N, C-alpha and C. Protein backbone atom coordinates (compact mmCIF):
# COMPACT_ATOMS: atom_id res chain seq x y z
N UNK A 1 -7.44 -3.08 17.43
CA UNK A 1 -8.44 -4.48 17.34
C UNK A 1 -10.09 -4.02 17.08
N UNK A 2 -10.61 -4.62 15.72
CA UNK A 2 -11.74 -4.46 15.15
C UNK A 2 -13.03 -4.87 15.61
N UNK A 3 -13.92 -4.02 16.68
CA UNK A 3 -14.55 -5.05 17.14
C UNK A 3 -16.35 -4.90 16.32
N UNK A 4 -16.09 -4.10 15.44
CA UNK A 4 -16.89 -4.31 14.73
C UNK A 4 -17.29 -5.39 13.58
N UNK A 5 -16.50 -6.14 13.39
CA UNK A 5 -16.34 -7.61 12.90
C UNK A 5 -17.15 -8.28 13.56
N UNK A 6 -18.02 -9.15 13.60
CA UNK A 6 -18.75 -10.28 14.09
C UNK A 6 -17.75 -11.30 14.38
N UNK A 7 -17.63 -11.95 15.53
CA UNK A 7 -17.15 -13.36 16.34
C UNK A 7 -17.33 -14.27 15.33
N UNK A 8 -16.25 -14.98 14.99
CA UNK A 8 -16.22 -16.48 14.25
C UNK A 8 -17.25 -17.31 14.65
N UNK A 9 -17.83 -17.84 14.06
CA UNK A 9 -18.66 -19.15 14.89
C UNK A 9 -17.27 -20.35 14.60
N UNK A 10 -17.70 -21.21 15.22
CA UNK A 10 -16.45 -22.40 15.72
C UNK A 10 -16.12 -23.11 14.16
N UNK A 11 -16.84 -23.11 13.07
CA UNK A 11 -16.55 -23.39 11.99
C UNK A 11 -15.49 -22.46 11.26
N UNK A 12 -16.16 -21.43 11.69
CA UNK A 12 -15.63 -20.29 10.21
C UNK A 12 -13.96 -20.36 11.33
N UNK A 13 -14.14 -20.22 12.58
CA UNK A 13 -12.46 -20.35 13.38
C UNK A 13 -11.87 -21.50 12.99
N UNK A 14 -12.70 -22.89 12.46
CA UNK A 14 -11.51 -23.57 11.65
C UNK A 14 -11.07 -23.38 10.93
N UNK A 15 -11.84 -22.60 9.51
CA UNK A 15 -11.04 -22.15 8.82
C UNK A 15 -10.09 -21.25 9.16
N UNK A 16 -10.47 -19.96 9.99
CA UNK A 16 -9.71 -19.02 10.30
C UNK A 16 -8.11 -19.85 10.38
N UNK A 17 -8.50 -20.78 11.19
CA UNK A 17 -7.24 -21.17 11.92
C UNK A 17 -6.28 -21.77 9.95
N UNK A 18 -6.76 -22.47 9.39
CA UNK A 18 -6.34 -22.69 8.33
C UNK A 18 -5.61 -21.65 7.51
N UNK A 19 -6.38 -20.83 7.05
CA UNK A 19 -6.15 -19.44 6.88
C UNK A 19 -4.78 -18.54 7.30
N UNK A 20 -5.11 -19.01 8.65
CA UNK A 20 -3.84 -18.47 9.32
C UNK A 20 -2.34 -19.13 9.33
N UNK A 21 -2.33 -20.44 9.01
CA UNK A 21 -1.65 -21.44 9.20
C UNK A 21 -0.76 -21.52 7.99
N UNK A 22 -1.32 -21.66 6.66
CA UNK A 22 -1.01 -21.61 5.20
C UNK A 22 -1.21 -20.43 4.67
N UNK A 23 -1.92 -19.50 5.24
CA UNK A 23 -1.72 -18.06 4.37
C UNK A 23 -2.97 -18.08 3.35
N UNK A 24 -2.90 -17.05 2.48
CA UNK A 24 -3.99 -17.34 1.50
C UNK A 24 -4.22 -18.54 0.72
N UNK A 25 -4.84 -19.30 0.60
CA UNK A 25 -5.79 -20.55 0.11
C UNK A 25 -6.83 -20.94 -0.82
N UNK A 26 -6.90 -21.58 -1.67
CA UNK A 26 -8.38 -22.05 -2.19
C UNK A 26 -9.52 -22.39 -1.52
N UNK A 27 -10.62 -22.55 -1.89
CA UNK A 27 -11.48 -23.07 -0.98
C UNK A 27 -10.77 -24.61 -1.38
N UNK A 28 -10.46 -25.45 -2.37
CA UNK A 28 -10.29 -26.65 -2.03
C UNK A 28 -9.18 -27.22 -1.04
N UNK A 29 -8.21 -26.04 -1.05
CA UNK A 29 -7.14 -26.35 0.02
C UNK A 29 -7.67 -26.31 1.39
N UNK A 30 -8.20 -25.43 1.84
CA UNK A 30 -8.65 -25.05 2.64
C UNK A 30 -9.63 -26.65 3.23
N UNK A 31 -10.43 -26.85 2.16
CA UNK A 31 -11.76 -28.06 2.69
C UNK A 31 -10.73 -29.54 2.79
N UNK A 32 -9.51 -29.79 2.23
CA UNK A 32 -8.77 -30.91 2.26
C UNK A 32 -8.36 -30.97 3.64
N UNK A 33 -7.79 -29.66 3.93
CA UNK A 33 -7.22 -29.63 5.58
C UNK A 33 -8.56 -29.95 6.70
N UNK A 34 -9.61 -29.43 6.42
CA UNK A 34 -10.52 -29.82 7.05
C UNK A 34 -10.94 -30.88 7.38
N UNK A 35 -10.61 -31.63 6.05
CA UNK A 35 -11.78 -33.32 5.80
C UNK A 35 -10.37 -34.13 6.52
N UNK A 36 -9.15 -33.41 7.36
CA UNK A 36 -7.94 -34.54 7.86
C UNK A 36 -8.71 -34.37 8.94
N UNK A 37 -9.42 -33.47 9.73
CA UNK A 37 -10.14 -33.78 11.13
C UNK A 37 -11.32 -34.43 11.10
N UNK A 38 -12.08 -34.20 10.23
CA UNK A 38 -13.66 -34.53 10.26
C UNK A 38 -13.99 -34.20 8.49
N UNK A 39 -15.09 -35.02 8.20
CA UNK A 39 -15.66 -34.97 6.71
C UNK A 39 -16.19 -33.82 6.85
N UNK A 40 -15.97 -32.64 5.96
CA UNK A 40 -16.58 -31.76 5.41
C UNK A 40 -16.66 -31.71 3.59
N UNK A 41 -18.31 -31.11 3.70
CA UNK A 41 -18.23 -31.30 2.35
C UNK A 41 -17.95 -30.21 1.09
N UNK A 42 -17.25 -29.68 0.37
CA UNK A 42 -16.64 -28.92 -0.51
C UNK A 42 -17.78 -27.51 -0.88
N UNK A 43 -18.80 -27.96 -0.95
CA UNK A 43 -20.03 -26.71 -1.08
C UNK A 43 -20.20 -26.03 0.58
N UNK A 44 -20.17 -27.07 1.55
CA UNK A 44 -20.21 -26.39 2.94
C UNK A 44 -19.34 -25.33 3.35
N UNK A 45 -17.97 -25.69 2.70
CA UNK A 45 -17.12 -24.96 2.76
C UNK A 45 -16.82 -23.59 2.22
N UNK A 46 -17.22 -24.05 0.56
CA UNK A 46 -17.57 -22.88 -0.08
C UNK A 46 -18.28 -21.75 0.20
N UNK A 47 -19.38 -21.95 0.46
CA UNK A 47 -20.35 -21.61 1.52
C UNK A 47 -20.05 -20.42 2.52
N UNK A 48 -19.46 -21.44 3.28
CA UNK A 48 -18.59 -20.86 4.98
C UNK A 48 -17.81 -19.39 4.48
N UNK A 49 -17.04 -20.14 3.44
CA UNK A 49 -15.84 -18.65 3.12
C UNK A 49 -16.89 -17.69 2.43
N UNK A 50 -17.76 -17.84 2.02
CA UNK A 50 -18.40 -16.80 1.13
C UNK A 50 -19.12 -16.36 2.19
N UNK A 51 -19.48 -16.36 2.93
CA UNK A 51 -20.35 -15.60 4.88
C UNK A 51 -19.25 -14.96 4.36
N UNK A 52 -18.42 -15.70 5.22
CA UNK A 52 -16.69 -14.89 5.88
C UNK A 52 -16.26 -13.66 4.80
N UNK A 53 -16.33 -13.77 3.92
CA UNK A 53 -15.85 -12.75 2.92
C UNK A 53 -17.20 -11.61 3.51
N UNK A 54 -18.24 -11.82 3.00
CA UNK A 54 -19.21 -11.37 3.30
C UNK A 54 -19.24 -10.67 4.92
N UNK A 55 -18.89 -11.30 5.85
CA UNK A 55 -18.92 -10.67 7.32
C UNK A 55 -17.56 -9.63 7.62
N UNK A 56 -16.50 -10.10 6.67
CA UNK A 56 -15.23 -8.64 6.73
C UNK A 56 -14.33 -9.94 7.37
N UNK A 57 -14.84 -10.98 8.08
CA UNK A 57 -13.39 -12.08 8.15
C UNK A 57 -12.52 -12.57 7.44
N UNK A 58 -12.72 -12.57 6.12
CA UNK A 58 -11.80 -13.14 4.76
C UNK A 58 -11.92 -12.29 3.63
N UNK A 59 -10.97 -11.89 3.19
CA UNK A 59 -10.68 -11.39 1.75
C UNK A 59 -10.77 -12.44 0.35
N UNK A 60 -11.14 -12.31 -0.28
CA UNK A 60 -11.45 -12.90 -1.51
C UNK A 60 -10.89 -12.11 -2.86
N UNK A 61 -9.83 -12.94 -3.26
CA UNK A 61 -9.21 -12.34 -4.77
C UNK A 61 -9.91 -13.17 -5.54
N UNK A 62 -10.92 -12.65 -6.39
CA UNK A 62 -10.98 -13.03 -7.48
C UNK A 62 -10.58 -13.31 -8.97
N UNK A 63 -9.12 -12.44 -8.77
CA UNK A 63 -8.52 -12.44 -10.42
C UNK A 63 -8.11 -13.40 -11.05
N UNK A 64 -8.06 -14.60 -10.20
CA UNK A 64 -7.75 -15.95 -11.09
C UNK A 64 -9.42 -16.75 -10.95
N UNK A 65 -9.63 -17.95 -11.81
CA UNK A 65 -10.51 -18.35 -11.89
C UNK A 65 -10.95 -19.39 -10.59
N UNK A 66 -9.84 -19.57 -10.28
CA UNK A 66 -9.68 -20.24 -8.68
C UNK A 66 -9.39 -19.30 -7.33
N UNK A 67 -10.39 -18.82 -7.05
CA UNK A 67 -10.87 -17.78 -5.77
C UNK A 67 -9.84 -18.07 -4.74
N UNK A 68 -8.87 -17.14 -4.24
CA UNK A 68 -8.26 -17.27 -3.63
C UNK A 68 -8.65 -16.72 -1.98
N UNK A 69 -8.66 -16.95 -1.05
CA UNK A 69 -9.06 -16.40 0.34
C UNK A 69 -7.78 -16.25 1.58
N UNK A 70 -7.96 -14.86 1.92
CA UNK A 70 -7.08 -14.67 3.40
C UNK A 70 -7.42 -14.44 4.34
N UNK A 71 -7.39 -14.62 5.37
CA UNK A 71 -8.07 -13.88 6.55
C UNK A 71 -8.16 -12.70 6.54
N UNK A 72 -8.68 -11.91 7.24
CA UNK A 72 -8.94 -10.67 7.17
C UNK A 72 -9.10 -10.27 8.73
N UNK A 73 -8.75 -10.90 9.31
CA UNK A 73 -8.74 -10.94 10.74
C UNK A 73 -7.36 -11.22 11.68
N UNK A 74 -6.38 -10.53 12.42
CA UNK A 74 -5.39 -11.30 12.96
C UNK A 74 -5.68 -12.57 13.62
N UNK A 75 -4.83 -13.27 14.03
CA UNK A 75 -4.94 -14.39 14.85
C UNK A 75 -5.18 -14.07 16.27
N UNK A 76 -4.19 -12.83 16.61
CA UNK A 76 -3.77 -12.61 18.17
C UNK A 76 -4.88 -11.91 18.38
N UNK A 77 -5.83 -10.93 17.33
CA UNK A 77 -6.78 -10.05 17.59
C UNK A 77 -7.63 -10.96 18.13
N UNK A 78 -8.33 -12.26 17.63
CA UNK A 78 -9.23 -12.97 17.09
C UNK A 78 -9.10 -13.39 18.82
N UNK A 79 -8.09 -14.32 18.94
CA UNK A 79 -7.88 -14.93 20.51
C UNK A 79 -8.34 -13.75 21.40
N UNK A 80 -7.96 -12.73 21.34
CA UNK A 80 -7.72 -11.73 22.07
C UNK A 80 -9.96 -11.40 22.55
N UNK A 81 -10.31 -11.29 21.36
CA UNK A 81 -11.79 -10.83 21.52
C UNK A 81 -12.56 -12.17 22.12
N UNK A 82 -11.71 -13.01 21.59
CA UNK A 82 -12.73 -14.53 21.91
C UNK A 82 -12.41 -14.86 23.29
N UNK A 83 -11.45 -14.68 24.17
CA UNK A 83 -11.17 -15.18 25.18
C UNK A 83 -11.67 -14.19 26.51
N UNK A 84 -11.59 -12.58 25.61
CA UNK A 84 -12.47 -11.53 26.17
C UNK A 84 -13.65 -11.90 26.92
N UNK A 85 -14.22 -12.41 25.85
CA UNK A 85 -16.08 -12.85 25.80
C UNK A 85 -16.12 -14.15 26.85
N UNK A 86 -15.06 -14.70 26.46
CA UNK A 86 -15.19 -16.30 27.18
C UNK A 86 -15.66 -15.99 29.12
N UNK A 87 -14.14 -15.03 29.00
CA UNK A 87 -13.69 -14.70 30.31
C UNK A 87 -14.76 -13.80 30.81
N UNK A 88 -16.00 -13.29 30.32
CA UNK A 88 -16.91 -12.11 30.63
C UNK A 88 -17.78 -12.86 30.91
N UNK A 89 -18.22 -13.95 29.78
CA UNK A 89 -19.41 -14.49 30.51
C UNK A 89 -19.40 -15.52 31.16
N UNK A 90 -18.11 -16.60 31.11
CA UNK A 90 -17.96 -17.85 31.86
C UNK A 90 -17.41 -17.47 33.34
N UNK A 91 -16.76 -15.94 33.63
CA UNK A 91 -15.90 -16.62 34.43
C UNK A 91 -16.16 -14.96 35.49
N UNK A 92 -17.42 -14.15 35.12
CA UNK A 92 -18.07 -12.96 35.34
C UNK A 92 -16.83 -12.03 35.45
N UNK A 93 -15.80 -11.96 34.52
CA UNK A 93 -14.91 -10.83 33.92
C UNK A 93 -13.91 -11.21 34.77
N UNK A 94 -13.59 -12.13 35.42
CA UNK A 94 -12.56 -12.50 36.66
C UNK A 94 -11.52 -13.10 35.82
N UNK A 95 -10.07 -12.85 35.40
CA UNK A 95 -9.25 -13.42 34.73
C UNK A 95 -8.48 -14.38 35.80
N UNK A 96 -8.67 -14.12 37.00
CA UNK A 96 -7.99 -15.20 38.40
C UNK A 96 -9.10 -16.15 38.26
N UNK A 97 -9.83 -16.20 38.24
CA UNK A 97 -10.91 -17.41 38.24
C UNK A 97 -10.70 -18.27 37.36
N UNK A 98 -10.66 -17.95 35.75
CA UNK A 98 -9.84 -18.47 34.56
C UNK A 98 -8.43 -18.89 35.00
N UNK A 99 -7.76 -18.43 35.11
CA UNK A 99 -6.36 -18.95 35.62
C UNK A 99 -6.33 -20.36 36.55
N UNK A 100 -7.07 -20.04 37.68
CA UNK A 100 -6.81 -20.81 38.84
C UNK A 100 -7.61 -22.06 38.03
N UNK A 101 -8.74 -21.85 37.71
CA UNK A 101 -9.40 -22.75 36.98
C UNK A 101 -8.60 -23.83 35.69
N UNK A 102 -8.33 -23.49 34.94
CA UNK A 102 -7.08 -23.80 34.23
C UNK A 102 -5.75 -24.56 34.57
N UNK A 103 -5.52 -23.89 35.92
CA UNK A 103 -4.35 -24.71 36.43
C UNK A 103 -4.54 -25.59 36.92
N UNK A 104 -6.07 -25.57 37.59
CA UNK A 104 -6.62 -26.97 38.74
C UNK A 104 -7.07 -28.00 37.74
N UNK A 105 -7.35 -27.64 36.29
CA UNK A 105 -7.94 -28.74 35.43
C UNK A 105 -6.08 -29.37 34.35
N UNK A 106 -5.77 -28.66 34.44
CA UNK A 106 -4.46 -29.34 33.78
C UNK A 106 -2.88 -29.37 34.79
N UNK A 107 -2.24 -30.44 34.71
CA UNK A 107 -0.99 -30.31 35.41
C UNK A 107 -0.02 -29.74 34.62
N UNK A 108 0.30 -28.33 34.85
CA UNK A 108 1.26 -27.65 34.32
C UNK A 108 2.68 -28.59 34.53
N UNK A 109 3.53 -27.90 33.56
CA UNK A 109 4.83 -28.94 33.17
C UNK A 109 5.33 -27.72 34.23
N UNK A 110 6.45 -28.40 34.48
CA UNK A 110 7.71 -27.15 35.73
C UNK A 110 8.22 -26.14 34.60
N UNK A 111 8.50 -25.90 32.85
CA UNK A 111 8.68 -25.32 32.29
C UNK A 111 6.95 -24.27 31.94
N UNK A 112 6.56 -24.86 31.91
CA UNK A 112 5.20 -24.15 32.21
C UNK A 112 4.92 -23.12 32.89
N UNK A 113 5.28 -23.55 34.55
CA UNK A 113 5.26 -22.89 35.75
C UNK A 113 6.22 -21.80 35.99
N UNK A 114 7.31 -22.21 34.91
CA UNK A 114 8.38 -21.16 35.03
C UNK A 114 7.97 -20.21 34.12
N UNK A 115 7.31 -20.69 32.94
CA UNK A 115 6.73 -19.51 32.01
C UNK A 115 5.92 -18.03 32.83
N UNK A 116 4.72 -19.07 33.52
CA UNK A 116 3.77 -18.33 34.43
C UNK A 116 4.57 -17.78 35.33
N UNK A 117 5.51 -17.82 35.92
CA UNK A 117 5.96 -17.46 37.17
C UNK A 117 6.74 -15.46 36.27
N UNK A 118 7.19 -15.66 35.41
CA UNK A 118 8.42 -14.63 34.15
C UNK A 118 7.01 -13.67 34.08
N UNK A 119 5.79 -14.12 33.50
CA UNK A 119 4.53 -13.50 32.59
C UNK A 119 4.41 -12.68 33.88
N UNK A 120 4.02 -13.39 35.24
CA UNK A 120 3.74 -12.73 36.65
C UNK A 120 4.65 -11.47 37.01
N UNK A 121 5.84 -11.70 36.78
CA UNK A 121 7.07 -10.81 37.16
C UNK A 121 7.01 -9.69 36.21
N UNK A 122 6.79 -10.04 35.27
CA UNK A 122 6.81 -8.95 34.35
C UNK A 122 5.55 -8.04 34.19
N UNK A 123 4.47 -8.42 34.50
CA UNK A 123 3.03 -7.97 34.54
C UNK A 123 3.29 -7.07 35.87
N UNK A 124 4.12 -7.80 37.22
CA UNK A 124 4.15 -6.91 38.30
C UNK A 124 5.39 -5.80 37.71
N UNK A 125 6.52 -5.90 37.12
CA UNK A 125 7.73 -4.71 36.77
C UNK A 125 6.73 -3.60 35.87
N UNK A 126 5.63 -4.15 35.00
CA UNK A 126 5.15 -3.14 34.18
C UNK A 126 4.41 -2.48 35.04
N UNK A 127 3.66 -2.98 36.00
CA UNK A 127 2.80 -1.89 36.75
C UNK A 127 3.43 -1.05 37.89
N UNK A 128 4.63 -1.43 37.83
CA UNK A 128 5.81 -1.00 38.76
C UNK A 128 6.00 0.32 37.75
N UNK A 129 6.58 0.03 36.44
CA UNK A 129 6.86 1.05 35.83
C UNK A 129 5.85 2.54 35.85
N UNK A 130 4.64 2.08 35.50
CA UNK A 130 3.21 2.94 35.10
C UNK A 130 3.26 3.86 36.52
N UNK A 131 3.74 3.73 37.75
CA UNK A 131 3.43 4.35 38.98
C UNK A 131 4.20 5.88 38.88
C-alpha cells in the first residue's frame, strides 16, 4: 500500500469508483456515468481527472486523440487507507467502537451476522496459529 499518494477527495473517489468498475475509460465516459447520479460538467470531470493524474491517483494514456484514464490505486488499498483514517479520527482508533456503532445503526440480516461470526472465528483461529 503506497501511503505517499494523497487521500482522494469525495469527487475523486466517485471518479475512482467508475474507473474501478469499468476499467480504463475516457473523460466523456466517466462524466456520463457521474451524470447518472448528479449533474457534473464535462470540464469539471476533465479537470479533476487531470489533477488525479498529477497526484498519482490515476494514469493517463495519451497515445490516441481521446485520452484514456485508469486508476493508479487499487480499490482495496484505498478502502483500507480511508477506513483506517476514519477509525483513527472518528473512533479514536477503536475498531470495536466502529463495529458496535455500525451494528447498532443497521439491522444486520441473519446472513450478515453469519458472515460476521465466521470472520471473528477466522480471526481467532489466525491469532491462535500465530502463538
